[in-house]
Amino acid sequence: MFLKKFVDELPIPPVIKPNGKREGLPFYNVTMEQMKQKMHRDLPPTTVWGYNGMYPGPAFEAKQNEPNPNCQRPATLCYHDHALGITRLNVYAGLAGFYILRIIKAKKSFKQTTPAPFTNGEAPSKDLSQIMQFRVKS
């Protein structure tokens, strides 16, 4: 089957907002749900799993060294569950999303060496990140 390229808009997941705080840290209520989603305009909907009714799931944003402690360089990362023995199956089914770790706004005296997408206040869509998932029907 031949599928025409670049006919569907690239889905940009929204940034999830915390439901509140627990012990001073942001708290998120996230659900796992099965749904049908079209992967291409010329294909029928396929069954996937997603977080909060989305595939890929919503994006989480955190700042470097805050709040617990995210001690690594800013990066666009991926999150998924860690269920013992079935993580690979859950990721294959679609349970994954973006975890964007941003740099804390630099002081004027600090020379920023981090690439622009990781600066404070950028929208996830400006990161232009993609989660690539290939599913082969056997």
C-alpha atoms as a PDB file:
ATOM      1  CA  MET A   1       0.000   0.000   0.000  1.00  0.00           C
ATOM      2  CA  PHE A   2       1.325   3.441  -0.923  1.00  0.00           C
ATOM      3  CA  LEU A   3       0.610   6.288   1.508  1.00  0.00           C
ATOM      4  CA  LYS A   4       1.135   9.893   0.481  1.00  0.00           C
ATOM      5  CA  LYS A   5       3.663  11.627   2.747  1.00  0.00           C
ATOM      6  CA  PHE A   6       3.110  14.735   4.850  1.00  0.00           C
ATOM      7  CA  VAL A   7      -0.661  14.989   4.403  1.00  0.00           C
ATOM      8  CA  ASP A   8      -1.542  14.994   8.105  1.00  0.00           C
ATOM      9  CA  GLU A   9      -0.683  17.768  10.535  1.00  0.00           C
ATOM     10  CA  LEU A  10       2.042  16.858  13.040  1.00  0.00           C
ATOM     11  CA  PRO A  11       0.324  16.363  16.404  1.00  0.00           C
ATOM     12  CA  ILE A  12       1.783  18.670  19.059  1.00  0.00           C
ATOM     13  CA  PRO A  13       0.794  17.457  22.526  1.00  0.00           C
ATOM     14  CA  PRO A  14      -0.299  20.117  25.017  1.00  0.00           C
ATOM     15  CA  VAL A  15       1.657  20.753  28.210  1.00  0.00           C
ATOM     16  CA  ILE A  16      -0.083  19.177  31.199  1.00  0.00           C
ATOM     17  CA  LYS A  17      -0.704  21.415  34.196  1.00  0.00           C
ATOM     18  CA  PRO A  18      -0.415  20.114  37.766  1.00  0.00           C
ATOM     19  CA  ASN A  19      -3.606  19.376  39.688  1.00  0.00           C
ATOM     20  CA  GLY A  20      -2.008  20.897  42.769  1.00  0.00           C
ATOM     21  CA  LYS A  21       0.932  20.308  45.083  1.00  0.00           C
ATOM     22  CA  ARG A  22       1.858  17.561  47.508  1.00  0.00           C
ATOM     23  CA  GLU A  23       4.673  18.163  49.973  1.00  0.00           C
ATOM     24  CA  GLY A  24       5.590  21.257  47.956  1.00  0.00           C
ATOM     25  CA  LEU A  25       5.977  19.401  44.640  1.00  0.00           C
ATOM     26  CA  PRO A  26       3.653  19.557  41.609  1.00  0.00           C
ATOM     27  CA  PHE A  27       1.070  16.740  41.565  1.00  0.00           C
ATOM     28  CA  TYR A  28      -0.429  15.396  38.327  1.00  0.00           C
ATOM     29  CA  ASN A  29      -3.440  13.127  37.898  1.00  0.00           C
ATOM     30  CA  VAL A  30      -2.840  11.061  34.756  1.00  0.00           C
ATOM     31  CA  THR A  31      -4.981   8.227  33.405  1.00  0.00           C
ATOM     32  CA  MET A  32      -4.188   5.482  30.899  1.00  0.00           C
ATOM     33  CA  GLU A  33      -6.927   4.952  28.325  1.00  0.00           C
ATOM     34  CA  GLN A  34      -7.539   2.810  25.261  1.00  0.00           C
ATOM     35  CA  MET A  35      -8.806   4.703  22.213  1.00  0.00           C
ATOM     36  CA  LYS A  36      -9.019   4.684  18.434  1.00  0.00           C
ATOM     37  CA  GLN A  37      -6.858   7.144  16.514  1.00  0.00           C
ATOM     38  CA  LYS A  38      -6.140   7.769  12.851  1.00  0.00           C
ATOM     39  CA  MET A  39      -2.436   7.588  12.039  1.00  0.00           C
ATOM     40  CA  HIS A  40      -2.869   8.682   8.408  1.00  0.00           C
ATOM     41  CA  ARG A  41      -5.776  10.170   6.501  1.00  0.00           C
ATOM     42  CA  ASP A  42      -5.963   7.124   4.215  1.00  0.00           C
ATOM     43  CA  LEU A  43      -5.943   4.496   6.974  1.00  0.00           C
ATOM     44  CA  PRO A  44      -8.763   3.441   9.279  1.00  0.00           C
ATOM     45  CA  PRO A  45      -8.477   4.296  12.990  1.00  0.00           C
ATOM     46  CA  THR A  46      -6.227   1.951  14.949  1.00  0.00           C
ATOM     47  CA  THR A  47      -6.416   0.976  18.607  1.00  0.00           C
ATOM     48  CA  VAL A  48      -3.800   2.640  20.803  1.00  0.00           C
ATOM     49  CA  TRP A  49      -3.363   3.424  24.469  1.00  0.00           C
ATOM     50  CA  GLY A  50      -2.569   6.916  25.649  1.00  0.00           C
ATOM     51  CA  TYR A  51      -2.339   9.144  28.683  1.00  0.00           C
ATOM     52  CA  ASN A  52      -5.325  11.412  29.442  1.00  0.00           C
ATOM     53  CA  GLY A  53      -7.018  10.346  26.210  1.00  0.00           C
ATOM     54  CA  MET A  54      -4.088  11.438  23.998  1.00  0.00           C
ATOM     55  CA  TYR A  55      -1.553   9.657  21.836  1.00  0.00           C
ATOM     56  CA  PRO A  56       1.205  10.621  22.340  1.00  0.00           C
ATOM     57  CA  GLY A  57       0.449  11.673  25.900  1.00  0.00           C
ATOM     58  CA  PRO A  58       0.611  15.253  27.189  1.00  0.00           C
ATOM     59  CA  ALA A  59       4.008  16.903  27.589  1.00  0.00           C
ATOM     60  CA  PHE A  60       5.477  17.467  31.041  1.00  0.00           C
ATOM     61  CA  GLU A  61       7.749  20.463  31.549  1.00  0.00           C
ATOM     62  CA  ALA A  62      10.240  20.857  34.369  1.00  0.00           C
ATOM     63  CA  LYS A  63      13.129  23.187  35.104  1.00  0.00           C
ATOM     64  CA  GLN A  64      16.699  22.019  35.581  1.00  0.00           C
ATOM     65  CA  ASN A  65      17.451  21.355  39.282  1.00  0.00           C
ATOM     66  CA  GLU A  66      13.825  22.060  40.300  1.00  0.00           C
ATOM     67  CA  PRO A  67      11.845  20.647  42.078  1.00  0.00           C
ATOM     68  CA  ASN A  68      13.142  17.106  42.496  1.00  0.00           C
ATOM     69  CA  PRO A  69      16.060  17.725  41.368  1.00  0.00           C
ATOM     70  CA  ASN A  70      16.303  17.029  37.594  1.00  0.00           C
ATOM     71  CA  CYS A  71      20.114  17.189  37.807  1.00  0.00           C
ATOM     72  CA  GLN A  72      21.044  16.878  34.173  1.00  0.00           C
ATOM     73  CA  ARG A  73      21.393  19.110  31.156  1.00  0.00           C
ATOM     74  CA  PRO A  74      18.180  20.431  29.658  1.00  0.00           C
ATOM     75  CA  ALA A  75      16.786  18.057  27.059  1.00  0.00           C
ATOM     76  CA  THR A  76      13.654  16.803  25.380  1.00  0.00           C
ATOM     77  CA  LEU A  77      13.107  13.370  26.883  1.00  0.00           C
ATOM     78  CA  CYS A  78      10.454  10.689  26.756  1.00  0.00           C
ATOM     79  CA  TYR A  79       8.374   9.305  29.629  1.00  0.00           C
ATOM     80  CA  HIS A  80       6.644   5.944  29.934  1.00  0.00           C
ATOM     81  CA  ASP A  81       5.486   3.587  32.644  1.00  0.00           C
ATOM     82  CA  HIS A  82       7.810   1.140  34.359  1.00  0.00           C
ATOM     83  CA  ALA A  83       5.422  -1.733  34.983  1.00  0.00           C
ATOM     84  CA  LEU A  84       7.506  -4.791  35.813  1.00  0.00           C
ATOM     85  CA  GLY A  85       7.856  -7.059  32.797  1.00  0.00           C
ATOM     86  CA  ILE A  86       5.450  -5.217  30.472  1.00  0.00           C
ATOM     87  CA  THR A  87       7.011  -1.797  29.866  1.00  0.00           C
ATOM     88  CA  ARG A  88       7.882  -2.727  26.273  1.00  0.00           C
ATOM     89  CA  LEU A  89       4.286  -3.751  25.585  1.00  0.00           C
ATOM     90  CA  ASN A  90       2.877  -0.542  27.049  1.00  0.00           C
ATOM     91  CA  VAL A  91       5.269   1.646  25.050  1.00  0.00           C
ATOM     92  CA  TYR A  92       4.434  -0.335  21.904  1.00  0.00           C
ATOM     93  CA  ALA A  93       0.738   0.257  22.605  1.00  0.00           C
ATOM     94  CA  GLY A  94       1.324   4.020  22.795  1.00  0.00           C
ATOM     95  CA  LEU A  95       1.854   4.815  26.462  1.00  0.00           C
ATOM     96  CA  ALA A  96       4.587   7.431  26.087  1.00  0.00           C
ATOM     97  CA  GLY A  97       4.994  11.188  25.906  1.00  0.00           C
ATOM     98  CA  PHE A  98       7.440  14.087  26.163  1.00  0.00           C
ATOM     99  CA  TYR A  99       9.260  15.179  29.312  1.00  0.00           C
ATOM    100  CA  ILE A 100      10.883  18.517  28.555  1.00  0.00           C
ATOM    101  CA  LEU A 101      13.608  19.625  30.930  1.00  0.00           C
ATOM    102  CA  ARG A 102      14.355  23.325  30.524  1.00  0.00           C
ATOM    103  CA  ILE A 103      17.217  25.487  31.701  1.00  0.00           C
ATOM    104  CA  ILE A 104      16.504  27.893  34.541  1.00  0.00           C
ATOM    105  CA  LYS A 105      16.594  31.449  33.230  1.00  0.00           C
ATOM    106  CA  ALA A 106      20.231  32.484  33.166  1.00  0.00           C
ATOM    107  CA  LYS A 107      21.581  35.564  34.908  1.00  0.00           C
ATOM    108  CA  LYS A 108      23.079  38.258  32.683  1.00  0.00           C
ATOM    109  CA  SER A 109      26.584  37.378  33.863  1.00  0.00           C
ATOM    110  CA  PHE A 110      26.134  33.738  32.782  1.00  0.00           C
ATOM    111  CA  LYS A 111      27.017  32.911  29.188  1.00  0.00           C
ATOM    112  CA  GLN A 112      24.349  30.529  27.915  1.00  0.00           C
ATOM    113  CA  THR A 113      25.760  27.556  26.019  1.00  0.00           C
ATOM    114  CA  THR A 114      22.509  25.603  25.817  1.00  0.00           C
ATOM    115  CA  PRO A 115      20.740  25.507  22.437  1.00  0.00           C
ATOM    116  CA  ALA A 116      17.782  27.863  22.026  1.00  0.00           C
ATOM    117  CA  PRO A 117      14.943  25.290  22.263  1.00  0.00           C
ATOM    118  CA  PHE A 118      15.742  24.761  25.935  1.00  0.00           C
ATOM    119  CA  THR A 119      15.484  28.382  27.012  1.00  0.00           C
ATOM    120  CA  ASN A 120      12.927  29.389  29.593  1.00  0.00           C
ATOM    121  CA  GLY A 121       9.389  30.023  28.350  1.00  0.00           C
ATOM    122  CA  GLU A 122       9.468  28.268  24.975  1.00  0.00           C
ATOM    123  CA  ALA A 123       6.342  26.417  23.893  1.00  0.00           C
ATOM    124  CA  PRO A 124       6.706  22.631  23.356  1.00  0.00           C
ATOM    125  CA  SER A 125       5.806  23.107  19.687  1.00  0.00           C
ATOM    126  CA  LYS A 126       8.977  25.169  19.260  1.00  0.00           C
ATOM    127  CA  ASP A 127      11.077  22.199  20.378  1.00  0.00           C
ATOM    128  CA  LEU A 128      10.033  20.460  17.150  1.00  0.00           C
ATOM    129  CA  SER A 129      10.570  17.103  18.796  1.00  0.00           C
ATOM    130  CA  GLN A 130       9.039  13.920  17.540  1.00  0.00           C
ATOM    131  CA  ILE A 131       8.321  10.564  19.033  1.00  0.00           C
ATOM    132  CA  MET A 132       8.775   8.002  16.315  1.00  0.00           C
ATOM    133  CA  GLN A 133       6.902   4.755  16.693  1.00  0.00           C
ATOM    134  CA  PHE A 134       6.806   2.007  14.120  1.00  0.00           C
ATOM    135  CA  ARG A 135       4.151  -0.681  14.370  1.00  0.00           C
ATOM    136  CA  VAL A 136       4.323  -3.664  12.091  1.00  0.00           C
ATOM    137  CA  LYS A 137       1.265  -5.819  11.588  1.00  0.00           C
ATOM    138  CA  SER A 138       2.244  -9.450  11.267  1.00  0.00           C
END
